Amino acid sequence: MSDFDDDSMRPEMQALKEIAKQKHAERVAKTPARIKYAEQQFEKNNIAYIVKNGSNGHIHCFDYQGNLFQFWASTGKIMYDHKVEQKRNLNSKCRNLRGINNLIKLLAYKE
């Protein structure tokens, strides 16, 4: 148990924690610009969308069939229901796609 009582790493861990907080704050500060860029891309490509949460960049957008796709502008994460995947015959590799450009391709892609 004495190995876990060693405080020799505490200053390094505190420094890493502060760096992580700073990096997070930098990412969060970019969210409004990322939302604005996503909105521009949706409008340019005639894609219906609703900004659900401006603080984390959560956006609902819809493909040409009206299927819901969720997008987080802050991280580029794309999510959609398994039923949409089956209905649209999307490849399982699409689950790993990220970013607004890949989302636009998914939304505009017609079988």
Protein backbone atom coordinates (compact mmCIF):
# COMPACT_ATOMS: atom_id res chain seq x y z
CA MET A 1 0.00 0.00 0.00
CA SER A 2 2.96 2.33 0.50
CA ASP A 3 3.41 2.60 -3.30
CA PHE A 4 0.10 4.47 -3.54
CA ASP A 5 0.97 6.94 -0.80
CA ASP A 6 3.88 8.41 -2.79
CA ASP A 7 3.24 12.12 -3.52
CA SER A 8 6.24 12.48 -5.84
CA MET A 9 4.00 12.65 -8.96
CA ARG A 10 1.50 15.12 -7.53
CA PRO A 11 3.12 18.32 -8.98
CA GLU A 12 3.40 16.72 -12.43
CA MET A 13 -0.20 15.57 -12.35
CA GLN A 14 -1.37 19.01 -11.26
CA ALA A 15 0.55 20.55 -14.17
CA LEU A 16 -1.02 18.08 -16.61
CA LYS A 17 -4.45 18.84 -15.18
CA GLU A 18 -3.92 22.58 -15.73
CA ILE A 19 -2.72 21.98 -19.31
CA ALA A 20 -5.82 19.85 -19.99
CA LYS A 21 -8.08 22.60 -18.62
CA GLN A 22 -6.36 25.19 -20.81
CA LYS A 23 -6.69 23.02 -23.95
CA HIS A 24 -10.36 22.40 -23.17
CA ALA A 25 -11.00 26.14 -22.75
CA GLU A 26 -9.32 26.77 -26.13
CA ARG A 27 -11.54 24.16 -27.83
CA VAL A 28 -14.69 25.54 -26.21
CA ALA A 29 -13.80 29.07 -27.32
CA LYS A 30 -13.77 27.90 -30.95
CA THR A 31 -17.29 26.40 -30.79
CA PRO A 32 -19.26 29.52 -31.90
CA ALA A 33 -17.08 29.89 -35.01
CA ARG A 34 -17.46 26.20 -35.78
CA ILE A 35 -21.25 26.44 -35.46
CA LYS A 36 -21.30 29.44 -37.79
CA TYR A 37 -19.19 27.58 -40.35
CA ALA A 38 -21.47 24.52 -40.13
CA GLU A 39 -24.53 26.74 -40.65
CA GLN A 40 -22.91 28.28 -43.73
CA GLN A 41 -22.20 24.82 -45.14
CA PHE A 42 -25.75 23.62 -44.47
CA GLU A 43 -27.25 26.70 -46.15
CA LYS A 44 -24.87 26.44 -49.10
CA ASN A 45 -25.95 22.81 -49.63
CA ASN A 46 -29.67 23.39 -48.90
CA ILE A 47 -29.67 21.11 -45.84
CA ALA A 48 -32.29 21.54 -43.13
CA TYR A 49 -30.80 21.95 -39.64
CA ILE A 50 -31.60 23.08 -36.11
CA VAL A 51 -28.97 24.23 -33.60
CA LYS A 52 -30.00 22.41 -30.44
CA ASN A 53 -27.24 23.56 -28.07
CA GLY A 54 -24.99 26.49 -28.86
CA SER A 55 -22.60 25.84 -25.98
CA ASN A 56 -21.46 22.42 -27.22
CA GLY A 57 -22.30 22.83 -30.90
CA HIS A 58 -25.04 20.15 -31.01
CA ILE A 59 -26.98 20.38 -34.28
CA HIS A 60 -29.80 18.29 -35.71
CA CYS A 61 -29.75 18.05 -39.49
CA PHE A 62 -31.77 16.10 -41.97
CA ASP A 63 -30.94 14.26 -45.17
CA TYR A 64 -32.96 14.34 -48.39
CA GLN A 65 -35.34 11.70 -46.96
CA GLY A 66 -35.89 13.57 -43.70
CA ASN A 67 -33.72 11.22 -41.61
CA LEU A 68 -32.20 12.77 -38.49
CA PHE A 69 -28.43 13.06 -38.21
CA GLN A 70 -26.84 14.62 -35.15
CA PHE A 71 -23.65 16.64 -35.38
CA TRP A 72 -21.41 18.30 -32.80
CA ALA A 73 -19.62 21.24 -34.40
CA SER A 74 -17.25 21.47 -31.44
CA THR A 75 -15.81 17.97 -32.03
CA GLY A 76 -17.02 16.98 -35.51
CA LYS A 77 -18.85 13.93 -34.16
CA ILE A 78 -21.61 12.54 -36.38
CA MET A 79 -24.36 10.28 -35.01
CA TYR A 80 -27.38 8.63 -36.57
CA ASP A 81 -29.78 5.86 -35.65
CA HIS A 82 -29.19 2.25 -36.65
CA LYS A 83 -32.52 2.35 -38.51
CA VAL A 84 -31.20 5.22 -40.65
CA GLU A 85 -28.10 3.16 -41.40
CA GLN A 86 -30.27 0.28 -42.60
CA LYS A 87 -32.76 2.46 -44.45
CA ARG A 88 -30.03 4.38 -46.28
CA ASN A 89 -27.87 1.25 -46.72
CA LEU A 90 -24.89 3.06 -45.21
CA ASN A 91 -21.62 1.24 -44.81
CA SER A 92 -20.63 0.55 -41.19
CA LYS A 93 -17.44 2.53 -41.87
CA CYS A 94 -19.61 5.64 -41.99
CA ARG A 95 -19.99 5.36 -38.21
CA ASN A 96 -16.37 6.50 -37.81
CA LEU A 97 -16.64 9.56 -40.03
CA ARG A 98 -16.13 12.98 -38.45
CA GLY A 99 -16.35 16.56 -39.60
CA ILE A 100 -18.71 18.82 -41.49
CA ASN A 101 -17.46 17.80 -44.96
CA ASN A 102 -18.14 14.12 -44.29
CA LEU A 103 -21.53 14.98 -42.84
CA ILE A 104 -22.48 16.95 -45.97
CA LYS A 105 -21.48 13.95 -48.10
CA LEU A 106 -23.60 11.63 -45.93
CA LEU A 107 -26.61 13.93 -46.06
CA ALA A 108 -26.42 14.52 -49.82
CA TYR A 109 -25.50 10.96 -50.84
CA LYS A 110 -28.28 9.20 -52.71
CA GLU A 111 -28.21 5.47 -53.37
